Amino acid sequence: MITLRVTRHDRNEQLLADCQSAVIPARGEVLQLDTVEADGSMNRPSTLWRIVAVTVHVPSLHSSAPLDGGPLRVRTVEVSVLPDVSLLPALHHAEAQVLSESRM
């Protein structure tokens, strides 16, 4: 497991998520961020973010061995994201549909 940190990449550098993960996402992929309660239920709608950069923190050969005796390994991966604008046309279309139905 690694620590996955998701940061919004614009003038408001904001930490959006910090969790343990078994996967390393790639640039260009879309992350779906969910906000969940302690029981696992969703408490607000998910948001979609496009990954624009991935930073893998790799220990160099000059690093000291971990105190727990384990091998050197990647422990942290940071991804920078922006709102996924490829979905905006679909969202605007759905919004227009709702508005046109409400006018009827």
C-alpha atoms as a PDB file:
ATOM      1  CA  MET A   1       0.000   0.000   0.000  1.00  0.00           C
ATOM      2  CA  ILE A   2       1.078   3.548  -0.733  1.00  0.00           C
ATOM      3  CA  THR A   3      -0.142   6.916   0.433  1.00  0.00           C
ATOM      4  CA  LEU A   4      -2.008   8.588  -2.440  1.00  0.00           C
ATOM      5  CA  ARG A   5      -2.319  12.371  -2.216  1.00  0.00           C
ATOM      6  CA  VAL A   6      -4.612  14.207  -4.623  1.00  0.00           C
ATOM      7  CA  THR A   7      -4.043  17.946  -4.988  1.00  0.00           C
ATOM      8  CA  ARG A   8      -6.012  20.442  -7.062  1.00  0.00           C
ATOM      9  CA  HIS A   9      -3.557  21.931  -9.576  1.00  0.00           C
ATOM     10  CA  ASP A  10      -4.384  25.596 -10.043  1.00  0.00           C
ATOM     11  CA  ARG A  11      -3.897  28.853  -8.192  1.00  0.00           C
ATOM     12  CA  ASN A  12      -5.694  27.393  -5.150  1.00  0.00           C
ATOM     13  CA  GLU A  13      -3.389  24.396  -4.547  1.00  0.00           C
ATOM     14  CA  GLN A  14      -5.749  22.411  -2.333  1.00  0.00           C
ATOM     15  CA  LEU A  15      -5.391  18.917  -0.881  1.00  0.00           C
ATOM     16  CA  LEU A  16      -8.501  16.994  -1.982  1.00  0.00           C
ATOM     17  CA  ALA A  17      -7.666  13.491  -0.735  1.00  0.00           C
ATOM     18  CA  ASP A  18      -5.020  11.659   1.275  1.00  0.00           C
ATOM     19  CA  CYS A  19      -5.524   7.897   1.631  1.00  0.00           C
ATOM     20  CA  GLN A  20      -3.934   4.473   1.350  1.00  0.00           C
ATOM     21  CA  SER A  21      -4.043   2.908  -2.115  1.00  0.00           C
ATOM     22  CA  ALA A  22      -2.936  -0.268  -3.835  1.00  0.00           C
ATOM     23  CA  VAL A  23      -2.939   1.421  -7.270  1.00  0.00           C
ATOM     24  CA  ILE A  24      -0.983   4.238  -8.866  1.00  0.00           C
ATOM     25  CA  PRO A  25      -3.104   6.304 -11.265  1.00  0.00           C
ATOM     26  CA  ALA A  26      -1.662   7.612 -14.531  1.00  0.00           C
ATOM     27  CA  ARG A  27      -1.707  11.064 -16.090  1.00  0.00           C
ATOM     28  CA  GLY A  28      -4.789  11.559 -18.265  1.00  0.00           C
ATOM     29  CA  GLU A  29      -7.003   9.275 -16.198  1.00  0.00           C
ATOM     30  CA  VAL A  30     -10.075  10.553 -14.384  1.00  0.00           C
ATOM     31  CA  LEU A  31     -10.424  10.200 -10.623  1.00  0.00           C
ATOM     32  CA  GLN A  32     -13.835  10.068  -8.999  1.00  0.00           C
ATOM     33  CA  LEU A  33     -13.655  11.536  -5.501  1.00  0.00           C
ATOM     34  CA  ASP A  34     -16.345  10.309  -3.158  1.00  0.00           C
ATOM     35  CA  THR A  35     -17.214  11.808   0.224  1.00  0.00           C
ATOM     36  CA  VAL A  36     -18.423   9.040   2.507  1.00  0.00           C
ATOM     37  CA  GLU A  37     -19.672   8.687   6.068  1.00  0.00           C
ATOM     38  CA  ALA A  38     -18.113   6.322   8.616  1.00  0.00           C
ATOM     39  CA  ASP A  39     -20.664   3.634   7.638  1.00  0.00           C
ATOM     40  CA  GLY A  40     -19.618   3.904   3.967  1.00  0.00           C
ATOM     41  CA  SER A  41     -22.687   5.763   2.732  1.00  0.00           C
ATOM     42  CA  MET A  42     -22.251   8.727   0.388  1.00  0.00           C
ATOM     43  CA  ASN A  43     -23.009  12.112   1.926  1.00  0.00           C
ATOM     44  CA  ARG A  44     -22.618  14.288  -1.196  1.00  0.00           C
ATOM     45  CA  PRO A  45     -22.296  13.786  -4.970  1.00  0.00           C
ATOM     46  CA  SER A  46     -18.996  12.518  -6.348  1.00  0.00           C
ATOM     47  CA  THR A  47     -16.704  14.847  -8.277  1.00  0.00           C
ATOM     48  CA  LEU A  48     -14.614  13.966 -11.333  1.00  0.00           C
ATOM     49  CA  TRP A  49     -11.036  15.187 -11.745  1.00  0.00           C
ATOM     50  CA  ARG A  50      -8.576  14.751 -14.634  1.00  0.00           C
ATOM     51  CA  ILE A  51      -5.018  13.819 -13.581  1.00  0.00           C
ATOM     52  CA  VAL A  52      -2.489  16.268 -15.045  1.00  0.00           C
ATOM     53  CA  ALA A  53       0.659  15.132 -13.197  1.00  0.00           C
ATOM     54  CA  VAL A  54       1.873  12.157 -11.177  1.00  0.00           C
ATOM     55  CA  THR A  55       4.833  12.370  -8.782  1.00  0.00           C
ATOM     56  CA  VAL A  56       6.214   9.109  -7.421  1.00  0.00           C
ATOM     57  CA  HIS A  57       8.473   9.604  -4.387  1.00  0.00           C
ATOM     58  CA  VAL A  58      11.223   7.007  -4.889  1.00  0.00           C
ATOM     59  CA  PRO A  59      13.944   6.559  -2.245  1.00  0.00           C
ATOM     60  CA  SER A  60      17.430   6.945  -3.724  1.00  0.00           C
ATOM     61  CA  LEU A  61      20.271   4.471  -3.249  1.00  0.00           C
ATOM     62  CA  HIS A  62      21.672   6.800  -0.578  1.00  0.00           C
ATOM     63  CA  SER A  63      18.569   6.411   1.598  1.00  0.00           C
ATOM     64  CA  SER A  64      18.828   4.661   4.949  1.00  0.00           C
ATOM     65  CA  ALA A  65      16.988   1.398   5.493  1.00  0.00           C
ATOM     66  CA  PRO A  66      13.622   1.784   7.256  1.00  0.00           C
ATOM     67  CA  LEU A  67      13.620   1.261  11.034  1.00  0.00           C
ATOM     68  CA  ASP A  68      11.178  -1.644  10.679  1.00  0.00           C
ATOM     69  CA  GLY A  69      13.809  -3.601   8.714  1.00  0.00           C
ATOM     70  CA  GLY A  70      11.739  -3.656   5.529  1.00  0.00           C
ATOM     71  CA  PRO A  71      13.120  -2.837   2.097  1.00  0.00           C
ATOM     72  CA  LEU A  72      13.220   0.626   0.609  1.00  0.00           C
ATOM     73  CA  ARG A  73       9.994   1.199  -1.313  1.00  0.00           C
ATOM     74  CA  VAL A  74       7.720   3.842  -2.754  1.00  0.00           C
ATOM     75  CA  ARG A  75       5.515   5.067   0.069  1.00  0.00           C
ATOM     76  CA  THR A  76       3.926   8.195  -1.399  1.00  0.00           C
ATOM     77  CA  VAL A  77       2.461   9.112  -4.785  1.00  0.00           C
ATOM     78  CA  GLU A  78       1.094  12.594  -5.414  1.00  0.00           C
ATOM     79  CA  VAL A  79      -1.288  13.380  -8.253  1.00  0.00           C
ATOM     80  CA  SER A  80      -2.279  16.843  -9.414  1.00  0.00           C
ATOM     81  CA  VAL A  81      -5.773  17.200 -10.835  1.00  0.00           C
ATOM     82  CA  LEU A  82      -8.062  19.691 -12.532  1.00  0.00           C
ATOM     83  CA  PRO A  83     -11.843  19.494 -12.844  1.00  0.00           C
ATOM     84  CA  ASP A  84     -12.666  17.163 -15.727  1.00  0.00           C
ATOM     85  CA  VAL A  85     -13.871  19.646 -18.363  1.00  0.00           C
ATOM     86  CA  SER A  86     -14.496  16.898 -20.911  1.00  0.00           C
ATOM     87  CA  LEU A  87     -17.723  16.234 -19.019  1.00  0.00           C
ATOM     88  CA  LEU A  88     -18.939  19.857 -19.084  1.00  0.00           C
ATOM     89  CA  PRO A  89     -20.794  19.621 -22.433  1.00  0.00           C
ATOM     90  CA  ALA A  90     -22.725  16.581 -21.167  1.00  0.00           C
ATOM     91  CA  LEU A  91     -23.539  18.352 -17.903  1.00  0.00           C
ATOM     92  CA  HIS A  92     -24.750  21.469 -19.732  1.00  0.00           C
ATOM     93  CA  HIS A  93     -26.905  19.304 -22.008  1.00  0.00           C
ATOM     94  CA  ALA A  94     -28.466  17.502 -19.036  1.00  0.00           C
ATOM     95  CA  GLU A  95     -29.074  20.842 -17.307  1.00  0.00           C
ATOM     96  CA  ALA A  96     -30.762  22.216 -20.438  1.00  0.00           C
ATOM     97  CA  GLN A  97     -32.977  19.107 -20.602  1.00  0.00           C
ATOM     98  CA  VAL A  98     -34.121  19.633 -17.008  1.00  0.00           C
ATOM     99  CA  LEU A  99     -34.838  23.310 -17.672  1.00  0.00           C
ATOM    100  CA  SER A 100     -36.807  22.603 -20.855  1.00  0.00           C
ATOM    101  CA  GLU A 101     -38.869  19.918 -19.061  1.00  0.00           C
ATOM    102  CA  SER A 102     -39.624  22.284 -16.190  1.00  0.00           C
ATOM    103  CA  ARG A 103     -40.977  24.902 -18.650  1.00  0.00           C
ATOM    104  CA  MET A 104     -43.611  22.468 -19.957  1.00  0.00           C
END
